[in-house]
Amino acid sequence: MSVTIDLPADIEAKLTEQAAKAGVPLGQHLRRMIEQYVDVPLPSPKTPAERARHWRESVANLPDTTPLSDEAMSRESMYGDRG
């Protein structure tokens, strides 16, 4: 199978440089890169319990802050004379 991809000149230059450093033609270098990408396993879907646990762990070290007062959240407080 053949695929044509239009790349910006700077990206093409970087890929060509990488291929030269690897000592292979550009096409072979690109094929290797694509094969590596395709072989990466996709993460398995998380259960709701796993997602909740992950969220709790990610927020565990956040600082404990007090909620803003109703006055601080009022439209008048936010916009003042601008309406």
Protein backbone atom coordinates (compact mmCIF):
# COMPACT_ATOMS: atom_id res chain seq x y z
CA MET A 1 0.00 0.00 0.00
CA SER A 2 1.23 3.48 -0.79
CA VAL A 3 0.15 6.67 0.92
CA THR A 4 1.13 10.21 0.01
CA ILE A 5 1.43 12.73 2.82
CA ASP A 6 2.12 16.42 2.26
CA LEU A 7 4.44 17.60 5.02
CA PRO A 8 5.71 21.07 5.81
CA ALA A 9 9.32 21.51 4.71
CA ASP A 10 10.65 21.80 8.27
CA ILE A 11 9.10 18.49 9.33
CA GLU A 12 10.34 16.78 6.18
CA ALA A 13 13.84 18.09 6.91
CA LYS A 14 13.75 16.77 10.48
CA LEU A 15 12.55 13.35 9.34
CA THR A 16 15.18 13.22 6.62
CA GLU A 17 17.84 14.10 9.19
CA GLN A 18 16.59 11.37 11.55
CA ALA A 19 16.66 8.81 8.72
CA ALA A 20 20.22 9.82 7.79
CA LYS A 21 21.35 9.43 11.41
CA ALA A 22 19.76 5.97 11.47
CA GLY A 23 21.46 5.15 8.16
CA VAL A 24 18.25 4.22 6.37
CA PRO A 25 16.21 5.73 3.54
CA LEU A 26 13.45 8.12 4.56
CA GLY A 27 10.69 5.69 3.50
CA GLN A 28 12.11 2.92 5.68
CA HIS A 29 12.49 5.30 8.62
CA LEU A 30 8.85 6.38 8.32
CA ARG A 31 7.70 2.79 8.03
CA ARG A 32 9.55 1.89 11.25
CA MET A 33 7.99 4.84 13.04
CA ILE A 34 4.49 3.87 11.91
CA GLU A 35 5.01 0.21 12.84
CA GLN A 36 6.09 1.23 16.35
CA TYR A 37 3.04 3.43 16.71
CA VAL A 38 0.65 0.73 15.52
CA ASP A 39 2.12 -1.85 17.90
CA VAL A 40 1.43 0.31 20.97
CA PRO A 41 -1.48 -1.29 22.82
CA LEU A 42 -4.44 0.94 23.50
CA PRO A 43 -5.26 1.44 27.17
CA SER A 44 -8.14 -0.69 28.35
CA PRO A 45 -11.34 1.16 29.25
CA LYS A 46 -11.61 2.01 32.93
CA THR A 47 -14.59 1.07 35.05
CA PRO A 48 -16.48 3.86 36.81
CA ALA A 49 -14.89 2.76 40.09
CA GLU A 50 -11.39 2.95 38.59
CA ARG A 51 -12.08 6.41 37.15
CA ALA A 52 -13.41 7.61 40.52
CA ARG A 53 -10.35 6.21 42.33
CA HIS A 54 -8.03 7.88 39.84
CA TRP A 55 -9.83 11.20 40.26
CA ARG A 56 -9.68 10.98 44.08
CA GLU A 57 -5.95 10.24 43.93
CA SER A 58 -5.32 13.14 41.54
CA VAL A 59 -7.07 15.69 43.80
CA ALA A 60 -5.83 14.32 47.12
CA ASN A 61 -2.90 16.74 47.39
CA LEU A 62 -4.72 19.87 46.27
CA PRO A 63 -4.96 22.61 48.89
CA ASP A 64 -8.12 22.76 50.98
CA THR A 65 -9.84 26.01 50.09
CA THR A 66 -13.02 27.52 51.43
CA PRO A 67 -15.86 28.22 49.02
CA LEU A 68 -16.50 31.79 47.96
CA SER A 69 -19.38 33.59 49.64
CA ASP A 70 -22.64 34.27 47.81
CA GLU A 71 -21.67 37.96 47.76
CA ALA A 72 -18.35 37.19 46.08
CA MET A 73 -20.17 35.15 43.44
CA SER A 74 -22.82 37.77 42.72
CA ARG A 75 -23.01 39.46 39.35
CA GLU A 76 -22.60 42.86 40.95
CA SER A 77 -19.39 41.76 42.66
CA MET A 78 -17.92 40.41 39.42
CA TYR A 79 -18.99 43.18 37.02
CA GLY A 80 -19.56 46.16 39.28
CA ASP A 81 -20.66 49.23 37.32
CA ARG A 82 -20.25 47.42 33.99
CA GLY A 83 -23.50 45.59 34.52
